[in-house]
Amino acid sequence: MQYMLLIYADPQREPKYGTPEHEAMMSSYFAANRQMKADGVLVAGEALKSIDTATSLRLNRGKVETMDGPFAETREHLGGYYVIEVPDLDAALRYAALIPTAAYGTVEVRPLMTFNPAGN
């Protein structure tokens, strides 16, 4: 089963770029990446650009409306994700615990639904 690990963090609680704490966090991310690759569970993963680059879209009475930034009002921002393929939720949670942001933010673990609209 595939799970998406959604990484949320409050920018005020993140280690500041260029500090030893930031370097340690990045080393921990690299270690998590290596572990997931070595275990053969990593399907995809990437960081997201900052929220000031986001555009949200909704339809209102058939008209497209766009807004700058994320739609949700929250202190924590979605900063990245992993897609992993593991047998069950317990395994997904073990890999989510490897993500350094879990120490100061939130990692949401959610199973993916497979619709396969491309017909592959």
Protein backbone atom coordinates (compact mmCIF):
# COMPACT_ATOMS: atom_id res chain seq x y z
CA MET A 1 0.00 0.00 0.00
CA GLN A 2 1.21 3.50 -0.75
CA TYR A 3 1.21 6.23 1.88
CA MET A 4 1.90 9.92 1.57
CA LEU A 5 3.88 11.45 4.40
CA LEU A 6 2.95 15.15 4.45
CA ILE A 7 5.48 17.32 6.28
CA TYR A 8 4.14 20.37 8.14
CA ALA A 9 6.20 22.85 10.13
CA ASP A 10 5.83 26.22 11.78
CA PRO A 11 8.57 28.34 10.16
CA GLN A 12 9.14 30.04 13.53
CA ARG A 13 10.16 26.67 15.03
CA GLU A 14 12.36 25.46 12.16
CA PRO A 15 16.12 25.58 12.58
CA LYS A 16 17.44 28.71 10.88
CA TYR A 17 19.32 28.26 7.60
CA GLY A 18 23.09 28.26 8.02
CA THR A 19 23.07 27.25 11.69
CA PRO A 20 24.51 24.02 13.08
CA GLU A 21 20.95 22.99 13.96
CA HIS A 22 19.88 23.39 10.33
CA GLU A 23 22.87 21.38 9.15
CA ALA A 24 21.99 18.62 11.64
CA MET A 25 18.38 18.60 10.44
CA MET A 26 19.46 18.32 6.80
CA SER A 27 21.85 15.49 7.68
CA SER A 28 18.93 13.71 9.32
CA TYR A 29 16.84 14.19 6.16
CA PHE A 30 19.66 12.73 4.04
CA ALA A 31 19.85 9.76 6.43
CA ALA A 32 16.07 9.22 6.21
CA ASN A 33 16.29 9.36 2.40
CA ARG A 34 19.11 6.81 2.36
CA GLN A 35 17.20 4.48 4.69
CA MET A 36 13.98 4.61 2.65
CA LYS A 37 15.93 4.03 -0.58
CA ALA A 38 17.94 1.18 0.93
CA ASP A 39 14.74 -0.46 2.20
CA GLY A 40 13.13 -0.09 -1.25
CA VAL A 41 10.08 1.79 0.03
CA LEU A 42 10.67 5.27 -1.41
CA VAL A 43 8.40 6.04 -4.38
CA ALA A 44 8.79 9.84 -4.48
CA GLY A 45 9.55 12.81 -2.30
CA GLU A 46 10.41 16.45 -2.56
CA ALA A 47 10.42 19.71 -0.68
CA LEU A 48 8.02 22.46 -1.66
CA LYS A 49 8.95 26.06 -2.31
CA SER A 50 7.83 28.58 0.30
CA ILE A 51 4.18 29.48 0.73
CA ASP A 52 4.69 32.89 -0.89
CA THR A 53 4.98 31.00 -4.22
CA ALA A 54 1.66 29.17 -3.75
CA THR A 55 -1.57 29.90 -5.60
CA SER A 56 -4.86 28.41 -4.44
CA LEU A 57 -7.80 27.84 -6.78
CA ARG A 58 -11.49 27.25 -6.23
CA LEU A 59 -14.61 27.31 -8.36
CA ASN A 60 -17.39 29.62 -7.22
CA ARG A 61 -20.61 29.32 -9.23
CA GLY A 62 -18.63 28.04 -12.21
CA LYS A 63 -16.09 30.87 -12.07
CA VAL A 64 -12.43 30.17 -11.32
CA GLU A 65 -11.07 32.17 -8.39
CA THR A 66 -7.40 32.21 -7.51
CA MET A 67 -5.72 33.46 -4.36
CA ASP A 68 -2.08 34.00 -3.52
CA GLY A 69 -0.74 31.63 -0.90
CA PRO A 70 -2.19 28.58 0.76
CA PHE A 71 -5.89 28.49 1.56
CA ALA A 72 -5.66 27.17 5.13
CA GLU A 73 -5.00 29.59 7.95
CA THR A 74 -2.51 27.79 10.15
CA ARG A 75 0.90 28.31 11.68
CA GLU A 76 2.20 25.10 10.18
CA HIS A 77 2.92 25.08 6.45
CA LEU A 78 3.09 22.10 4.14
CA GLY A 79 6.78 21.96 3.30
CA GLY A 80 7.22 18.67 1.50
CA TYR A 81 6.20 15.08 1.16
CA TYR A 82 7.28 11.51 0.65
CA VAL A 83 5.33 8.75 -1.07
CA ILE A 84 6.33 5.35 0.24
CA GLU A 85 5.13 1.83 -0.47
CA VAL A 86 4.93 -0.35 2.63
CA PRO A 87 2.74 -3.24 3.83
CA ASP A 88 0.71 -1.34 6.45
CA LEU A 89 0.19 1.75 8.60
CA ASP A 90 2.59 0.56 11.28
CA ALA A 91 5.41 0.42 8.73
CA ALA A 92 4.42 3.85 7.35
CA LEU A 93 4.56 5.30 10.86
CA ARG A 94 8.05 3.87 11.41
CA TYR A 95 9.29 5.68 8.29
CA ALA A 96 7.42 8.88 9.20
CA ALA A 97 9.30 8.88 12.51
CA LEU A 98 12.57 9.14 10.55
CA ILE A 99 11.56 12.57 9.23
CA PRO A 100 13.36 15.21 11.32
CA THR A 101 10.49 17.72 11.15
CA ALA A 102 8.46 15.39 13.36
CA ALA A 103 10.53 16.74 16.28
CA TYR A 104 9.13 20.29 15.92
CA GLY A 105 6.25 19.99 13.43
CA THR A 106 3.80 17.36 12.21
CA VAL A 107 4.05 14.50 9.75
CA GLU A 108 0.62 13.46 8.49
CA VAL A 109 0.48 9.85 7.28
CA ARG A 110 -2.28 9.19 4.78
CA PRO A 111 -2.96 6.19 2.54
CA LEU A 112 -3.22 6.94 -1.17
CA MET A 113 -6.21 5.92 -3.21
CA THR A 114 -5.42 4.49 -6.62
CA PHE A 115 -7.82 5.44 -9.39
CA ASN A 116 -5.37 5.11 -12.30
CA PRO A 117 -7.11 7.62 -14.58
CA ALA A 118 -4.41 7.16 -17.25
CA GLY A 119 -5.46 3.53 -17.64
CA ASN A 120 -1.95 2.14 -17.18
